[in-house]
Amino acid sequence: MVSDRNGTRATARATPGGEEPEKRRAILHAAVRVFAEKGYHGCRIADVAKQAGVAYGLVYHYFQNKEELLERVFAEQWTIFITALRAVSEGPGTAPEQLAGVCRFAIDVFRTAPAAVRVLLLEVARTPDAFRAGSTRQTFEEAVAIVAGIVARGRERGEIRADADPMVSAAGLLGALELTLTGMVMGLLGGPSDEEIERVKKGIVDLVLSGVTHR
């Protein structure tokens, strides 16, 4: 059940052809672009509707208000990230190779979806703690646990230094990625060219691996 702009309650029902779920996805993707361009506080639901090419009232058919829309954007993007982390963790390669894969994936996301990265990094910081905790705390903890698992398995196999604390290493890696991506979003680490992105990618991989491996 969701509220329309007049405060009445409506149920979002999928059509047999899946048309409404497709429109819901279009609204979410439009919200990412609008939030990235205007900021959460600077945009209106009408801006999202226009970007998505749907009627203003249809946004309220799926989302109660702008806060819920932003929360769903957070949830969707974190789900993508967590899924990718699991794929790397459960895939082939040594622990250092998997940690490098996590770093490369995160930097490549900026190459393919810079608007989503901008929203996740900049808008989360501007959102009240009570709201933010409900949308990202659990997924952040899951991300740390997945990376810590890679480090722990690497220690057991002798691929990671025995004194590398899995949780601290995982938090440090994710923190380094967050600040690196923030620097890229703000233009502090060069332009968005493939050459610059590869330079940043190599730098963050070397930094992370030098802290946990024997080299």
Protein backbone atom coordinates (compact mmCIF):
# COMPACT_ATOMS: atom_id res chain seq x y z
CA MET A 1 0.00 0.00 0.00
CA VAL A 2 1.28 3.47 -0.90
CA SER A 3 -0.12 7.00 -0.66
CA ASP A 4 -0.99 9.17 -3.65
CA ARG A 5 -0.45 12.94 -3.58
CA ASN A 6 -3.91 13.52 -2.04
CA GLY A 7 -3.12 11.23 0.88
CA THR A 8 -5.42 8.41 -0.25
CA ARG A 9 -4.24 4.82 -0.20
CA ALA A 10 -3.64 2.84 -3.35
CA THR A 11 -2.29 -0.62 -4.06
CA ALA A 12 0.39 -1.00 -6.74
CA ARG A 13 -0.75 -3.96 -8.82
CA ALA A 14 1.36 -5.44 -11.57
CA THR A 15 -0.29 -5.77 -14.94
CA PRO A 16 -0.13 -9.17 -16.70
CA GLY A 17 2.54 -7.83 -19.05
CA GLY A 18 4.63 -6.43 -16.23
CA GLU A 19 4.13 -2.84 -17.43
CA GLU A 20 3.88 -1.26 -13.97
CA PRO A 21 7.02 -2.91 -12.52
CA GLU A 22 8.87 -1.64 -15.60
CA LYS A 23 7.60 1.88 -14.92
CA ARG A 24 8.65 1.54 -11.28
CA ARG A 25 12.19 0.70 -12.40
CA ALA A 26 12.12 3.66 -14.79
CA ILE A 27 11.15 5.94 -11.90
CA LEU A 28 13.99 4.62 -9.73
CA HIS A 29 16.54 5.09 -12.51
CA ALA A 30 15.22 8.58 -13.18
CA ALA A 31 15.49 9.39 -9.48
CA VAL A 32 19.18 8.45 -9.52
CA ARG A 33 19.82 10.88 -12.37
CA VAL A 34 17.79 13.70 -10.81
CA PHE A 35 19.26 13.24 -7.32
CA ALA A 36 22.76 13.26 -8.83
CA GLU A 37 22.08 16.41 -10.83
CA LYS A 38 20.05 18.49 -8.39
CA GLY A 39 20.65 16.82 -5.04
CA TYR A 40 17.97 15.25 -2.89
CA HIS A 41 16.93 18.50 -1.25
CA GLY A 42 17.02 20.46 -4.49
CA CYS A 43 14.71 18.26 -6.55
CA ARG A 44 10.97 17.64 -6.58
CA ILE A 45 8.88 14.58 -7.32
CA ALA A 46 7.77 16.40 -10.46
CA ASP A 47 11.41 16.47 -11.64
CA VAL A 48 11.64 12.69 -11.22
CA ALA A 49 8.37 12.15 -13.06
CA LYS A 50 9.51 14.33 -15.96
CA GLN A 51 12.85 12.53 -16.20
CA ALA A 52 11.10 9.15 -16.17
CA GLY A 53 8.51 10.26 -18.73
CA VAL A 54 5.57 9.30 -16.51
CA ALA A 55 2.63 11.15 -14.97
CA TYR A 56 3.32 12.96 -11.71
CA GLY A 57 0.73 10.91 -9.83
CA LEU A 58 2.25 7.61 -10.94
CA VAL A 59 5.34 8.24 -8.81
CA TYR A 60 3.05 8.31 -5.74
CA HIS A 61 1.46 5.07 -6.94
CA TYR A 62 4.75 3.34 -6.07
CA PHE A 63 6.40 5.60 -3.49
CA GLN A 64 4.86 7.42 -0.54
CA ASN A 65 7.15 10.43 -0.78
CA LYS A 66 10.60 11.61 -1.78
CA GLU A 67 12.22 10.05 1.31
CA GLU A 68 10.93 6.59 0.41
CA LEU A 69 12.12 7.08 -3.15
CA LEU A 70 15.63 7.93 -1.96
CA GLU A 71 15.62 4.99 0.45
CA ARG A 72 14.68 2.60 -2.37
CA VAL A 73 17.47 4.05 -4.50
CA PHE A 74 19.91 3.36 -1.65
CA ALA A 75 18.57 -0.16 -1.20
CA GLU A 76 18.75 -1.02 -4.90
CA GLN A 77 22.31 0.24 -5.32
CA TRP A 78 23.52 -1.50 -2.16
CA THR A 79 21.90 -4.74 -3.35
CA ILE A 80 23.88 -4.50 -6.58
CA PHE A 81 27.10 -3.93 -4.63
CA ILE A 82 26.47 -6.77 -2.17
CA THR A 83 25.63 -9.16 -5.01
CA ALA A 84 28.90 -8.28 -6.72
CA LEU A 85 30.88 -8.77 -3.50
CA ARG A 86 29.35 -12.21 -3.03
CA ALA A 87 30.18 -13.15 -6.63
CA VAL A 88 33.83 -12.15 -6.11
CA SER A 89 34.03 -13.90 -2.72
CA GLU A 90 32.51 -17.12 -4.04
CA GLY A 91 34.44 -17.05 -7.31
CA PRO A 92 37.90 -18.30 -8.25
CA GLY A 93 41.23 -16.78 -7.30
CA THR A 94 43.42 -16.27 -4.27
CA ALA A 95 42.41 -13.91 -1.48
CA PRO A 96 44.64 -11.09 -2.82
CA GLU A 97 43.15 -11.57 -6.28
CA GLN A 98 39.64 -11.41 -4.84
CA LEU A 99 40.41 -8.27 -2.82
CA ALA A 100 41.83 -6.69 -5.97
CA GLY A 101 38.64 -7.74 -7.76
CA VAL A 102 36.51 -5.94 -5.15
CA CYS A 103 38.54 -2.76 -5.63
CA ARG A 104 38.40 -2.95 -9.42
CA PHE A 105 34.66 -3.55 -9.41
CA ALA A 106 34.01 -0.52 -7.19
CA ILE A 107 36.10 1.79 -9.37
CA ASP A 108 34.54 0.40 -12.55
CA VAL A 109 31.08 1.26 -11.18
CA PHE A 110 32.12 4.91 -11.32
CA ARG A 111 32.98 4.40 -14.98
CA THR A 112 29.63 2.80 -15.87
CA ALA A 113 27.25 4.46 -13.37
CA PRO A 114 28.72 7.74 -12.10
CA ALA A 115 25.30 9.16 -11.18
CA ALA A 116 24.54 6.23 -8.87
CA VAL A 117 27.94 6.55 -7.18
CA ARG A 118 27.40 10.27 -6.68
CA VAL A 119 24.01 9.73 -5.05
CA LEU A 120 25.24 6.96 -2.75
CA LEU A 121 28.26 8.88 -1.55
CA LEU A 122 27.02 12.45 -1.35
CA GLU A 123 23.34 12.09 -0.49
CA VAL A 124 23.88 9.51 2.26
CA ALA A 125 26.06 12.05 4.08
CA ARG A 126 23.28 14.66 3.90
CA THR A 127 20.51 12.36 5.12
CA PRO A 128 19.49 12.28 8.82
CA ASP A 129 21.15 9.47 10.78
CA ALA A 130 17.87 7.86 11.83
CA PHE A 131 16.76 7.49 8.23
CA ARG A 132 20.15 6.53 6.90
CA ALA A 133 20.68 3.76 9.46
CA GLY A 134 17.53 1.96 8.40
CA SER A 135 18.55 1.81 4.76
CA THR A 136 22.28 1.10 4.81
CA ARG A 137 23.51 -0.17 8.20
CA GLN A 138 22.57 -3.80 7.62
CA THR A 139 23.99 -3.86 4.10
CA PHE A 140 27.19 -2.12 5.18
CA GLU A 141 27.68 -4.72 7.91
CA GLU A 142 27.10 -7.44 5.32
CA ALA A 143 29.68 -5.89 2.99
CA VAL A 144 32.25 -5.79 5.79
CA ALA A 145 31.50 -9.42 6.69
CA ILE A 146 31.96 -10.61 3.09
CA VAL A 147 35.31 -8.87 2.68
CA ALA A 148 36.41 -10.02 6.15
CA GLY A 149 35.63 -13.57 5.05
CA ILE A 150 37.98 -13.21 2.09
CA VAL A 151 40.75 -11.97 4.40
CA ALA A 152 40.14 -14.76 6.95
CA ARG A 153 40.30 -17.48 4.29
CA GLY A 154 43.44 -15.90 2.88
CA ARG A 155 45.10 -16.01 6.30
CA GLU A 156 44.28 -19.70 6.65
CA ARG A 157 45.88 -20.41 3.26
CA GLY A 158 48.92 -18.25 3.97
CA GLU A 159 48.01 -15.76 1.24
CA ILE A 160 47.35 -12.95 3.70
CA ARG A 161 49.57 -11.86 6.57
CA ALA A 162 48.82 -13.73 9.80
CA ASP A 163 48.56 -10.47 11.74
CA ALA A 164 45.94 -8.95 9.42
CA ASP A 165 42.70 -8.58 11.37
CA PRO A 166 39.85 -9.59 9.00
CA MET A 167 37.28 -7.06 10.26
CA VAL A 168 39.73 -4.17 10.48
CA SER A 169 41.15 -5.01 7.05
CA ALA A 170 37.65 -5.20 5.55
CA ALA A 171 36.57 -1.89 7.08
CA GLY A 172 39.81 -0.28 5.95
CA LEU A 173 39.39 -1.54 2.38
CA LEU A 174 35.79 -0.32 2.13
CA GLY A 175 36.72 2.99 3.75
CA ALA A 176 39.56 3.49 1.30
CA LEU A 177 37.22 2.75 -1.59
CA GLU A 178 34.61 5.19 -0.27
CA LEU A 179 37.06 8.07 0.01
CA THR A 180 38.66 7.23 -3.32
CA LEU A 181 35.29 7.23 -5.07
CA THR A 182 34.35 10.47 -3.31
CA GLY A 183 37.54 12.02 -4.65
CA MET A 184 36.61 10.82 -8.15
CA VAL A 185 33.06 12.18 -7.85
CA MET A 186 34.40 15.56 -6.75
CA GLY A 187 37.01 15.63 -9.50
CA LEU A 188 39.97 15.59 -7.12
CA LEU A 189 41.59 12.53 -8.71
CA GLY A 190 41.57 13.58 -12.34
CA GLY A 191 39.01 13.34 -15.09
CA PRO A 192 36.65 10.49 -15.96
CA SER A 193 38.83 9.20 -18.83
CA ASP A 194 39.65 5.50 -19.05
CA GLU A 195 43.33 6.32 -18.51
CA GLU A 196 42.64 8.22 -15.29
CA ILE A 197 40.27 5.54 -14.00
CA GLU A 198 42.86 2.83 -14.64
CA ARG A 199 45.46 4.91 -12.81
CA VAL A 200 43.21 5.23 -9.77
CA LYS A 201 42.30 1.56 -9.92
CA LYS A 202 45.94 0.49 -9.92
CA GLY A 203 46.74 2.85 -7.07
CA ILE A 204 43.97 1.63 -4.75
CA VAL A 205 44.70 -2.05 -5.52
CA ASP A 206 48.41 -1.57 -4.75
CA LEU A 207 47.56 0.28 -1.53
CA VAL A 208 45.14 -2.36 -0.27
CA LEU A 209 47.30 -5.36 -1.12
CA SER A 210 50.44 -3.83 0.34
CA GLY A 211 48.66 -3.66 3.68
CA VAL A 212 47.55 -7.28 3.93
CA THR A 213 49.93 -9.38 1.84
CA HIS A 214 53.52 -10.49 2.37
CA ARG A 215 54.91 -8.49 -0.53
